[in-house]
Amino acid sequence: HLISASLNDVWCASVASERVVIRRSGQRRPSAPIVEFERELQLHERAAQSGLAPKIIAYQPDDELLVTEFVGETISVDELKRPQNLERLAARLSEVHAISIIDLPVGPTNEVLLGAYRSQVADSGLPTCQMPFDDGDFVICHHDLHADIVRDGGALKFIDWEYARIASRMNDLGVLSDNLELTETQSMIFLEAYLGRAANKDEQRQLRSHRDWARVLFSLWSALTYQ
């Protein structure tokens, strides 16, 4: 049965008594250098090998059709923002960022990505931001972390890797903090759980900077998608 039909068409089905998820990319997704089906498959597969994403069962590049295992239900935003779940989420995200990126191409920089979206938006009144400092500590970033992406089947896993890329780890922390609308206190709980220690002032500043950048980026993305 169809479970979503916004930017992508997503079905849940039973095959040989096992539940699978079928996703076909829609037409409304704005074009950007970050979105590339082959890159998605590469990064998704590497995360799946580490138990952090659903196993890929089949795919069809021409239609950007992807079939994966069903890995659990969503967690509500309020539930996900509880301290114990923020800590679980931080631990799993740190595992994503620990995956080897050997032989994986580095994705477009934040500046290139922001410029690609901004060049397509006619409204010059959209917010601006200072580009966050890129420390060059590149990892696999999911880059679209929000409540619907996190699935709980006992261990947390992340679905929908279409915006994934190789980038600074703070990109994911900023995106998630903004999408979940975390308070300053919740953001620091998440950051320190991720680091496994107290965050220094520079790390706190980096998180705030990447959160501001994510807010501007997704304002542009929304303008392109829903204008």
Protein backbone atom coordinates (compact mmCIF):
# COMPACT_ATOMS: atom_id res chain seq x y z
CA HIS A 1 0.00 0.00 0.00
CA LEU A 2 1.08 3.58 -0.70
CA ILE A 3 2.43 5.22 2.46
CA SER A 4 3.78 8.49 1.03
CA ALA A 5 3.42 10.46 -2.18
CA SER A 6 5.06 13.82 -1.65
CA LEU A 7 8.48 14.18 -3.32
CA ASN A 8 8.76 10.41 -3.69
CA ASP A 9 6.21 7.62 -4.06
CA VAL A 10 6.73 5.10 -1.27
CA TRP A 11 4.94 1.78 -0.84
CA CYS A 12 5.05 -0.85 1.87
CA ALA A 13 4.53 -4.39 0.54
CA SER A 14 4.82 -8.01 1.58
CA VAL A 15 7.04 -10.28 -0.49
CA ALA A 16 7.28 -13.95 0.52
CA SER A 17 5.81 -12.96 3.91
CA GLU A 18 8.50 -10.32 4.48
CA ARG A 19 7.77 -6.58 4.56
CA VAL A 20 9.67 -4.40 2.13
CA VAL A 21 9.66 -0.71 1.25
CA ILE A 22 9.57 0.43 -2.38
CA ARG A 23 10.53 3.98 -3.25
CA ARG A 24 10.34 5.68 -6.62
CA SER A 25 11.75 9.18 -6.93
CA GLY A 26 9.18 11.82 -7.77
CA GLN A 27 9.37 14.76 -10.14
CA ARG A 28 9.13 17.62 -7.63
CA ARG A 29 12.52 17.17 -6.01
CA PRO A 30 14.66 20.21 -6.86
CA SER A 31 17.82 19.53 -8.80
CA ALA A 32 21.12 19.98 -6.99
CA PRO A 33 24.64 18.53 -7.16
CA ILE A 34 23.94 16.66 -3.92
CA VAL A 35 21.28 14.38 -5.45
CA GLU A 36 22.66 11.50 -7.48
CA PHE A 37 21.20 7.99 -7.39
CA GLU A 38 24.55 6.24 -7.79
CA ARG A 39 26.00 8.22 -4.88
CA GLU A 40 22.94 7.40 -2.79
CA LEU A 41 23.38 3.68 -3.46
CA GLN A 42 27.08 3.80 -2.57
CA LEU A 43 26.55 5.55 0.76
CA HIS A 44 23.36 3.68 1.66
CA GLU A 45 25.04 0.32 0.99
CA ARG A 46 28.03 1.18 3.14
CA ALA A 47 25.72 2.22 6.00
CA ALA A 48 23.64 -0.94 5.56
CA GLN A 49 26.77 -3.09 5.83
CA SER A 50 27.28 -1.57 9.28
CA GLY A 51 23.67 -2.18 10.34
CA LEU A 52 22.78 1.52 10.23
CA ALA A 53 20.46 1.50 7.21
CA PRO A 54 17.99 -0.96 5.66
CA LYS A 55 19.46 -3.66 3.45
CA ILE A 56 19.07 -2.90 -0.25
CA ILE A 57 17.11 -5.70 -1.91
CA ALA A 58 16.87 -4.37 -5.48
CA TYR A 59 17.15 -1.16 -7.47
CA GLN A 60 16.49 0.22 -10.95
CA PRO A 61 18.68 3.24 -11.79
CA ASP A 62 16.67 4.42 -14.81
CA ASP A 63 13.55 4.96 -12.68
CA GLU A 64 15.47 5.66 -9.45
CA LEU A 65 13.50 2.77 -7.96
CA LEU A 66 14.81 1.35 -4.69
CA VAL A 67 13.57 -1.68 -2.72
CA THR A 68 14.77 -2.11 0.87
CA GLU A 69 13.90 -4.16 3.90
CA PHE A 70 11.41 -2.79 6.42
CA VAL A 71 13.36 -1.81 9.56
CA GLY A 72 10.84 -0.49 12.07
CA GLU A 73 8.43 2.28 12.88
CA THR A 74 8.98 6.01 13.21
CA ILE A 75 9.47 7.72 16.55
CA SER A 76 7.44 10.85 17.25
CA VAL A 77 9.32 14.14 17.40
CA ASP A 78 8.47 14.60 21.07
CA GLU A 79 9.67 11.09 21.91
CA LEU A 80 12.85 11.49 19.89
CA LYS A 81 13.67 14.70 21.79
CA ARG A 82 13.69 12.96 25.16
CA PRO A 83 17.23 12.93 26.62
CA GLN A 84 17.58 9.15 26.49
CA ASN A 85 16.56 9.03 22.83
CA LEU A 86 18.80 11.97 21.92
CA GLU A 87 21.62 9.97 23.46
CA ARG A 88 20.65 6.84 21.47
CA LEU A 89 20.45 8.93 18.31
CA ALA A 90 23.82 10.56 18.96
CA ALA A 91 25.46 7.17 19.49
CA ARG A 92 24.06 5.79 16.21
CA LEU A 93 25.01 8.90 14.27
CA SER A 94 28.56 8.65 15.58
CA GLU A 95 28.60 5.10 14.17
CA VAL A 96 27.54 6.43 10.77
CA HIS A 97 30.36 8.95 10.89
CA ALA A 98 32.85 6.22 11.82
CA ILE A 99 32.19 4.27 8.59
CA SER A 100 35.18 4.16 6.25
CA ILE A 101 35.02 6.58 3.32
CA ILE A 102 37.90 4.95 1.44
CA ASP A 103 37.15 4.94 -2.32
CA LEU A 104 34.13 7.22 -1.87
CA PRO A 105 34.16 10.61 -3.65
CA VAL A 106 33.98 13.80 -1.60
CA GLY A 107 30.69 15.56 -2.35
CA PRO A 108 30.02 19.19 -3.23
CA THR A 109 31.05 21.73 -0.63
CA ASN A 110 28.50 23.68 1.40
CA GLU A 111 29.24 26.74 -0.71
CA VAL A 112 28.58 24.88 -3.98
CA LEU A 113 25.39 23.35 -2.61
CA LEU A 114 24.03 26.62 -1.28
CA GLY A 115 24.95 28.40 -4.51
CA ALA A 116 23.18 25.76 -6.62
CA TYR A 117 19.92 26.27 -4.75
CA ARG A 118 20.22 30.04 -4.51
CA SER A 119 20.79 30.36 -8.27
CA GLN A 120 17.38 28.77 -8.87
CA VAL A 121 15.43 30.97 -6.44
CA ALA A 122 14.14 34.27 -7.75
CA ASP A 123 13.17 35.71 -4.36
CA SER A 124 16.18 37.67 -3.14
CA GLY A 125 14.43 38.26 0.19
CA LEU A 126 15.26 34.78 1.44
CA PRO A 127 17.59 34.67 4.46
CA THR A 128 21.36 34.73 4.17
CA CYS A 129 23.96 33.23 6.45
CA GLN A 130 27.67 33.09 7.02
CA MET A 131 29.14 29.93 5.53
CA PRO A 132 30.15 27.58 8.35
CA PHE A 133 33.80 26.75 8.77
CA ASP A 134 34.69 23.45 7.07
CA ASP A 135 37.27 21.64 9.19
CA GLY A 136 37.94 19.05 6.48
CA ASP A 137 37.11 16.16 8.82
CA PHE A 138 35.02 14.39 6.19
CA VAL A 139 32.61 11.54 6.98
CA ILE A 140 29.48 10.00 5.49
CA CYS A 141 26.73 12.51 6.23
CA HIS A 142 23.07 11.56 5.85
CA HIS A 143 22.29 15.26 5.47
CA ASP A 144 18.50 14.94 5.83
CA LEU A 145 18.04 13.83 9.42
CA HIS A 146 14.57 14.37 10.88
CA ALA A 147 12.03 12.33 12.81
CA ASP A 148 10.63 10.45 9.79
CA ILE A 149 14.12 9.30 8.82
CA VAL A 150 14.84 7.55 12.13
CA ARG A 151 13.33 4.06 12.47
CA ASP A 152 13.29 2.00 15.64
CA GLY A 153 13.38 -1.76 15.25
CA GLY A 154 15.26 -2.28 18.50
CA ALA A 155 18.34 -0.52 17.17
CA LEU A 156 17.93 2.84 15.45
CA LYS A 157 18.45 2.90 11.69
CA PHE A 158 18.31 5.67 9.11
CA ILE A 159 16.32 5.52 5.87
CA ASP A 160 16.20 7.69 2.71
CA TRP A 161 19.82 8.39 1.83
CA GLU A 162 19.14 10.39 -1.34
CA TYR A 163 20.73 13.59 0.04
CA ALA A 164 23.72 11.80 1.60
CA ARG A 165 27.23 12.97 0.81
CA ILE A 166 30.77 13.05 2.13
CA ALA A 167 31.12 16.21 4.20
CA SER A 168 32.02 17.60 7.61
CA ARG A 169 30.35 15.72 10.49
CA MET A 170 28.92 18.97 11.87
CA ASN A 171 26.61 19.15 8.84
CA ASP A 172 24.54 16.28 10.20
CA LEU A 173 24.46 17.67 13.72
CA GLY A 174 23.31 21.06 12.50
CA VAL A 175 20.66 19.62 10.17
CA LEU A 176 19.23 17.39 12.87
CA SER A 177 19.23 20.13 15.52
CA ASP A 178 17.34 22.45 13.19
CA ASN A 179 14.87 19.85 11.87
CA LEU A 180 13.96 18.66 15.37
CA GLU A 181 13.80 22.27 16.61
CA LEU A 182 16.00 21.38 19.55
CA THR A 183 16.37 23.91 22.32
CA GLU A 184 19.86 25.11 23.23
CA THR A 185 19.87 22.66 26.16
CA GLN A 186 18.74 19.75 23.98
CA SER A 187 21.34 20.64 21.34
CA MET A 188 24.09 20.51 23.94
CA ILE A 189 22.81 17.17 25.30
CA PHE A 190 22.91 15.81 21.77
CA LEU A 191 26.34 17.27 20.97
CA GLU A 192 27.97 16.02 24.16
CA ALA A 193 26.39 12.57 23.80
CA TYR A 194 27.77 12.49 20.26
CA LEU A 195 31.25 13.55 21.37
CA GLY A 196 31.22 11.38 24.51
CA ARG A 197 32.51 14.32 26.53
CA ALA A 198 31.86 17.98 27.31
CA ALA A 199 31.83 20.17 24.20
CA ASN A 200 34.31 23.03 24.05
CA LYS A 201 33.33 26.53 22.96
CA ASP A 202 34.57 26.02 19.41
CA GLU A 203 32.47 22.88 18.98
CA GLN A 204 29.42 24.65 20.37
CA ARG A 205 30.02 27.51 17.92
CA GLN A 206 30.40 25.10 15.01
CA LEU A 207 27.09 23.41 15.82
CA ARG A 208 25.25 26.74 15.96
CA SER A 209 26.88 27.82 12.69
CA HIS A 210 25.90 24.61 10.87
CA ARG A 211 22.39 24.82 12.30
CA ASP A 212 21.98 28.36 10.90
CA TRP A 213 23.34 27.18 7.55
CA ALA A 214 20.91 24.23 7.47
CA ARG A 215 17.97 26.56 8.16
CA VAL A 216 18.89 28.77 5.18
CA LEU A 217 19.57 25.79 2.91
CA PHE A 218 16.20 24.19 3.60
CA SER A 219 14.41 27.53 3.22
CA LEU A 220 15.79 27.60 -0.32
CA TRP A 221 14.94 23.93 -0.86
CA SER A 222 11.35 24.53 0.28
CA ALA A 223 11.03 27.57 -1.97
CA LEU A 224 12.09 25.48 -4.97
CA THR A 225 9.93 22.53 -4.04
CA TYR A 226 6.67 24.24 -3.15
CA GLN A 227 6.71 27.52 -5.06
